[in-house]
Amino acid sequence: MVSAEDIRRYIAEGLQCDSIEVEGDGHHFEAVIVSGEFSGKSRIERHQRVYSALGDRMAGEIHALSMRTLTPEEWREAHG
């Protein structure tokens, strides 16, 4: 069974991130991902970038992943 730490590591290996927080129960996961790569991209493009980093794992190991994808600037504004 995949863990939240596994997902965090998978994302970090495929996407340059400032911060990744992942929580979950082994089946359903929630992630907050902060990356400069998201600048100028739509929410869909950001999610596609994360899915690209996860590769085939989304079709097998990871059953459900909800995510918030933020640029470093958006993160600072939200957590000022």
N, C-alpha and C. Protein backbone atom coordinates (compact mmCIF):
# COMPACT_ATOMS: atom_id res chain seq x y z
N MET A 1 0.85 -1.18 0.00
CA MET A 1 0.00 0.00 0.00
C MET A 1 0.89 1.24 0.00
N VAL A 2 0.54 2.21 -0.81
CA VAL A 2 1.30 3.45 -0.92
C VAL A 2 1.00 4.34 0.29
N SER A 3 2.02 5.07 0.74
CA SER A 3 1.86 5.97 1.89
C SER A 3 1.92 7.42 1.42
N ALA A 4 1.52 8.32 2.31
CA ALA A 4 1.61 9.75 2.02
C ALA A 4 3.06 10.14 1.74
N GLU A 5 4.00 9.56 2.47
CA GLU A 5 5.42 9.86 2.25
C GLU A 5 5.87 9.37 0.88
N ASP A 6 5.37 8.22 0.44
CA ASP A 6 5.69 7.73 -0.90
C ASP A 6 5.26 8.74 -1.96
N ILE A 7 4.03 9.22 -1.84
CA ILE A 7 3.51 10.18 -2.82
C ILE A 7 4.33 11.46 -2.79
N ARG A 8 4.67 11.95 -1.59
CA ARG A 8 5.49 13.15 -1.48
C ARG A 8 6.82 12.94 -2.21
N ARG A 9 7.42 11.80 -2.02
CA ARG A 9 8.70 11.49 -2.66
C ARG A 9 8.56 11.39 -4.17
N TYR A 10 7.50 10.73 -4.64
CA TYR A 10 7.27 10.60 -6.09
C TYR A 10 7.15 11.98 -6.74
N ILE A 11 6.38 12.86 -6.11
CA ILE A 11 6.21 14.20 -6.66
C ILE A 11 7.54 14.95 -6.65
N ALA A 12 8.26 14.87 -5.54
CA ALA A 12 9.54 15.57 -5.42
C ALA A 12 10.56 15.09 -6.44
N GLU A 13 10.51 13.81 -6.80
CA GLU A 13 11.45 13.27 -7.78
C GLU A 13 11.16 13.77 -9.19
N GLY A 14 9.91 14.17 -9.47
CA GLY A 14 9.55 14.57 -10.82
C GLY A 14 9.21 16.02 -11.01
N LEU A 15 9.22 16.81 -9.92
CA LEU A 15 8.80 18.20 -9.99
C LEU A 15 9.60 19.01 -8.97
N GLN A 16 10.20 20.09 -9.43
CA GLN A 16 10.95 20.97 -8.52
C GLN A 16 9.94 21.71 -7.64
N CYS A 17 9.96 21.44 -6.34
CA CYS A 17 8.97 22.02 -5.42
C CYS A 17 9.64 22.77 -4.29
N ASP A 18 8.95 23.82 -3.84
CA ASP A 18 9.38 24.54 -2.65
C ASP A 18 8.85 23.84 -1.40
N SER A 19 7.66 23.23 -1.55
CA SER A 19 7.02 22.57 -0.41
C SER A 19 6.03 21.54 -0.94
N ILE A 20 5.97 20.41 -0.25
CA ILE A 20 4.97 19.38 -0.56
C ILE A 20 4.46 18.83 0.77
N GLU A 21 3.16 18.91 0.96
CA GLU A 21 2.53 18.32 2.13
C GLU A 21 1.50 17.31 1.63
N VAL A 22 1.59 16.08 2.10
CA VAL A 22 0.64 15.04 1.68
C VAL A 22 0.10 14.34 2.92
N GLU A 23 -1.21 14.17 2.95
CA GLU A 23 -1.87 13.42 4.02
C GLU A 23 -2.79 12.41 3.37
N GLY A 24 -3.00 11.29 4.04
CA GLY A 24 -3.92 10.31 3.50
C GLY A 24 -3.96 9.04 4.31
N ASP A 25 -4.88 8.16 3.90
CA ASP A 25 -5.13 6.93 4.64
C ASP A 25 -4.70 5.67 3.89
N GLY A 26 -3.94 5.84 2.81
CA GLY A 26 -3.53 4.69 2.02
C GLY A 26 -4.35 4.52 0.77
N HIS A 27 -5.53 5.13 0.73
CA HIS A 27 -6.39 5.06 -0.45
C HIS A 27 -6.72 6.44 -1.00
N HIS A 28 -7.02 7.37 -0.09
CA HIS A 28 -7.38 8.73 -0.47
C HIS A 28 -6.33 9.68 0.11
N PHE A 29 -5.84 10.58 -0.74
CA PHE A 29 -4.78 11.49 -0.32
C PHE A 29 -5.13 12.92 -0.68
N GLU A 30 -4.59 13.84 0.12
CA GLU A 30 -4.70 15.27 -0.15
C GLU A 30 -3.30 15.84 -0.14
N ALA A 31 -3.00 16.69 -1.12
CA ALA A 31 -1.67 17.27 -1.22
C ALA A 31 -1.75 18.78 -1.42
N VAL A 32 -0.81 19.48 -0.82
CA VAL A 32 -0.59 20.90 -1.09
C VAL A 32 0.81 20.98 -1.66
N ILE A 33 0.91 21.45 -2.89
CA ILE A 33 2.18 21.45 -3.62
C ILE A 33 2.50 22.89 -4.02
N VAL A 34 3.67 23.36 -3.63
CA VAL A 34 4.12 24.72 -3.95
C VAL A 34 5.32 24.60 -4.88
N SER A 35 5.20 25.19 -6.06
CA SER A 35 6.28 25.09 -7.04
C SER A 35 6.31 26.32 -7.94
N GLY A 36 7.51 26.82 -8.20
CA GLY A 36 7.68 27.91 -9.14
C GLY A 36 7.29 27.51 -10.55
N GLU A 37 7.30 26.20 -10.84
CA GLU A 37 6.92 25.72 -12.17
C GLU A 37 5.45 26.01 -12.48
N PHE A 38 4.65 26.32 -11.47
CA PHE A 38 3.23 26.58 -11.68
C PHE A 38 2.96 28.01 -12.15
N SER A 39 3.94 28.88 -12.10
CA SER A 39 3.74 30.28 -12.51
C SER A 39 3.24 30.35 -13.95
N GLY A 40 2.17 31.13 -14.15
CA GLY A 40 1.61 31.32 -15.48
C GLY A 40 0.80 30.16 -16.01
N LYS A 41 0.58 29.13 -15.19
CA LYS A 41 -0.19 27.96 -15.63
C LYS A 41 -1.57 27.95 -14.98
N SER A 42 -2.54 27.41 -15.73
CA SER A 42 -3.89 27.26 -15.19
C SER A 42 -3.89 26.13 -14.15
N ARG A 43 -4.98 26.03 -13.41
CA ARG A 43 -5.10 24.95 -12.44
C ARG A 43 -5.01 23.58 -13.12
N ILE A 44 -5.64 23.45 -14.27
CA ILE A 44 -5.58 22.18 -15.00
C ILE A 44 -4.15 21.87 -15.43
N GLU A 45 -3.42 22.85 -15.95
CA GLU A 45 -2.04 22.64 -16.36
C GLU A 45 -1.16 22.26 -15.17
N ARG A 46 -1.42 22.86 -14.03
CA ARG A 46 -0.67 22.54 -12.81
C ARG A 46 -0.91 21.09 -12.41
N HIS A 47 -2.17 20.68 -12.42
CA HIS A 47 -2.51 19.30 -12.05
C HIS A 47 -1.91 18.32 -13.04
N GLN A 48 -1.95 18.67 -14.33
CA GLN A 48 -1.34 17.80 -15.33
C GLN A 48 0.15 17.64 -15.08
N ARG A 49 0.79 18.71 -14.62
CA ARG A 49 2.23 18.65 -14.34
C ARG A 49 2.50 17.69 -13.18
N VAL A 50 1.66 17.73 -12.16
CA VAL A 50 1.80 16.80 -11.02
C VAL A 50 1.54 15.37 -11.48
N TYR A 51 0.49 15.16 -12.27
CA TYR A 51 0.21 13.82 -12.78
C TYR A 51 1.37 13.30 -13.60
N SER A 52 2.01 14.18 -14.37
CA SER A 52 3.18 13.80 -15.14
C SER A 52 4.31 13.33 -14.22
N ALA A 53 4.50 14.04 -13.11
CA ALA A 53 5.53 13.65 -12.15
C ALA A 53 5.22 12.29 -11.52
N LEU A 54 3.94 12.01 -11.32
CA LEU A 54 3.54 10.73 -10.71
C LEU A 54 3.56 9.59 -11.71
N GLY A 55 3.46 9.90 -12.99
CA GLY A 55 3.51 8.88 -14.03
C GLY A 55 2.39 7.86 -13.91
N ASP A 56 2.71 6.61 -14.18
CA ASP A 56 1.72 5.53 -14.18
C ASP A 56 1.17 5.20 -12.80
N ARG A 57 1.75 5.77 -11.78
CA ARG A 57 1.28 5.46 -10.41
C ARG A 57 -0.18 5.88 -10.20
N MET A 58 -0.64 6.92 -10.93
CA MET A 58 -2.03 7.36 -10.79
C MET A 58 -3.00 6.30 -11.30
N ALA A 59 -2.56 5.45 -12.19
CA ALA A 59 -3.43 4.40 -12.75
C ALA A 59 -3.44 3.15 -11.88
N GLY A 60 -2.48 3.04 -10.96
CA GLY A 60 -2.39 1.81 -10.18
C GLY A 60 -2.29 2.04 -8.69
N GLU A 61 -1.15 2.51 -8.25
CA GLU A 61 -0.89 2.63 -6.81
C GLU A 61 -1.77 3.66 -6.10
N ILE A 62 -2.00 4.80 -6.77
CA ILE A 62 -2.70 5.91 -6.13
C ILE A 62 -4.13 5.93 -6.65
N HIS A 63 -5.08 5.77 -5.74
CA HIS A 63 -6.47 5.65 -6.15
C HIS A 63 -7.18 6.99 -6.19
N ALA A 64 -6.88 7.88 -5.26
CA ALA A 64 -7.54 9.19 -5.23
C ALA A 64 -6.58 10.22 -4.64
N LEU A 65 -6.40 11.30 -5.38
CA LEU A 65 -5.51 12.38 -4.93
C LEU A 65 -6.17 13.71 -5.24
N SER A 66 -6.48 14.45 -4.20
CA SER A 66 -6.94 15.83 -4.40
C SER A 66 -5.76 16.73 -4.07
N MET A 67 -5.66 17.83 -4.78
CA MET A 67 -4.49 18.67 -4.55
C MET A 67 -4.79 20.15 -4.72
N ARG A 68 -4.02 20.92 -3.98
CA ARG A 68 -3.94 22.37 -4.16
C ARG A 68 -2.56 22.64 -4.71
N THR A 69 -2.49 23.34 -5.82
CA THR A 69 -1.21 23.64 -6.45
C THR A 69 -1.03 25.15 -6.44
N LEU A 70 0.05 25.60 -5.81
CA LEU A 70 0.28 27.03 -5.62
C LEU A 70 1.69 27.42 -6.06
N THR A 71 1.82 28.66 -6.53
CA THR A 71 3.15 29.21 -6.75
C THR A 71 3.67 29.67 -5.39
N PRO A 72 4.97 29.91 -5.25
CA PRO A 72 5.49 30.43 -3.98
C PRO A 72 4.82 31.75 -3.58
N GLU A 73 4.53 32.60 -4.55
CA GLU A 73 3.87 33.87 -4.26
C GLU A 73 2.46 33.66 -3.72
N GLU A 74 1.71 32.75 -4.35
CA GLU A 74 0.36 32.44 -3.88
C GLU A 74 0.40 31.86 -2.46
N TRP A 75 1.38 31.03 -2.18
CA TRP A 75 1.53 30.45 -0.86
C TRP A 75 1.77 31.53 0.19
N ARG A 76 2.69 32.46 -0.13
CA ARG A 76 2.99 33.55 0.81
C ARG A 76 1.77 34.42 1.06
N GLU A 77 1.00 34.72 0.00
CA GLU A 77 -0.21 35.53 0.15
C GLU A 77 -1.23 34.82 1.03
N ALA A 78 -1.36 33.53 0.89
CA ALA A 78 -2.34 32.76 1.66
C ALA A 78 -1.92 32.58 3.11
N HIS A 79 -0.60 32.61 3.38
CA HIS A 79 -0.11 32.34 4.72
C HIS A 79 0.69 33.50 5.30
N GLY A 80 0.55 34.68 4.66
CA GLY A 80 1.24 35.91 5.03
C GLY A 80 1.65 35.99 6.39
